[in-house]
Amino acid sequence: MQAENISSLNQQLLTLKSSYLGQPFLSLDGRLELLNHLLTRLVESQQAFVVAADKDFNGRTDFDSQIGDILPTINGLKYQIKHLATWLRPDKRHSGIAMWPSKVWVQQVPKGVVGIIAPWNYPIQLALLPVFTALSAGNRVMLKLSEFTPHVNQEVKMLLADIKEHCVVVEGDHTIAAEFSSLTFDHLFFTGATDIGRKVMQSAATNLVPVTLELGGKSPVIVADDANIEHCAKSILLGKLTNAGQICVAPDYVLVTKKNKTVLIDALKKLYTSHYPHGKDDKKLSSIISEKQYARLHETLHDAQEKGAVVWPDIQHGESTVVNEKAPFRMGLYLITNPTQDMIALQNEIFGPVLPIIEVESVESALQYVELSQRPLASYLFTQSKTLQDKVSQSLRTGTLAINETILQVTIEDSPFGGVGHSGMGQYHGKEGFLTFSHGKSVLASDKVARVRTSLLLKQSKLLLDPLKALFLK
């Protein structure tokens, strides 16, 4: 987007607002027609999206694009189509004896025009799923795409090209994003880094625009003494190497007791070399999206090694000096053992295939470590103990929790997804997503009895006050 287009953002917003005011409550049939049209277009565009993502990432596996980006989006859209009629039904409430026989209900209505800012790591799912959810709630949408995925962006624009009265697409760098987040939307939805989310929230606050922030953070893995180590290692590898670890809920570090530490490290090494025998050149691995991100990850590794941690494989003789021309920023798994708090690896979200492993005295120590840290978007617990599972599920402050799994909790459309504290605010997926983009309007409808009640209230009559006192104070 050219600089002169910044001034057009407000005009595009005004056009969408006019469209909304012309039809503020799209019927169920109208919404279903729109969503089914988008579903057909998305299914038809699958391969084009796979090719586009491979170009943007300089090497992204078909599996990662399908499993992480395309299929979850299709699944989420189908879920909305299936349940939309139920979500739209008025929710009847009780008026109470004092307001009898009035009728009360909650009607879910669109918020208006929603702004959505999408990230680069899952440029299909994290752009389209919020869009589809906002549309199912009856809103108009203005979508800001990441400047780092131009090929996917082109496919997204083609997909949405014929519904411009419902959704418009914006591209541009961080200056456009800053301008975008200051617009007078009726709701603003942001997915991305915590530091950027803070700026988005500050911009939205100027106009009192409500926000949903889907951020990130350092998602811990807690390994109890009774964990199935082989399964644990497989799950960690899945979470850490899917999309090259560029996932907001990827395992960021492991907390493990001395009993299982060596066994777990050995299992991770064995599984990695078995599943990816060609290391970083293995075609089953996706690439880091850019040279900047690749350099950042290697800086993290060098920092850890220079400060005394053990890095495997040894980066002095490893892949950091090897460049694959077909996938120049592809990166394999790295383990950091004996990390300390002064290392970059334990200070910032890693967002790549680098895994610090921290030894703790007990599971209690691990839980305390997490509680004293900023609230994570996801936490992972490996244990066979139902008592420990219940304790952690009830007490650990985290956006989501997966027990004996990693990352797969985000694929369940019937389960809400969102962070807490520094990892975000608000939720989406399934019905919670629909509610995020809706306003629950309370409606009171009275009949002829209301005339008598209103007259008594207006007169401040004891004929009404005495019965009410008897009713409420008994």
Foldseek 3Di string as FASTA:
>chain_A
DDPVCLVCLQVLVVLLLVLCVVPVFQDLVRLLVVLVLLLVLLVVCLVLLLVLLCVLQLADDSCLLVVPARVLLSVLSVLLSVCLVVLQDWAWDDPDPLAPPWTKTWGWGFLEEEEEEADDLRQHRRQRSLLSLLVSSPYAYEYEGEPSRVSSVVSVCVSCVVVSSRYDYHYDHVVSVLSSLLDQGQEYEYEEALVVVVSSVVSVVVNPRHYWYQHAFAAEEEEAPAFPLLLVLVQLCCLCFSSQLQDRFRHLEYEYAPNCPVVNVVSNVVVQCVVQVPFLPRSNGTFHSDPVLLVVLVVLVVQQVVVPWDKPPDPVPDDPVPADPSNRGRHGAMETEPGDCVGPSNVGRSSGRYYYYYHDNHSVRVLVVQVVDFAGQEYEYGHPDPVVVVVCVPDRQHQYYDYSHGPCVVSDQCDWGHTPGSSIDATDGRSSSSSVRIDTDMDIGDDPVVVVVVVCVVVVHPVSVVVVCVVPVD
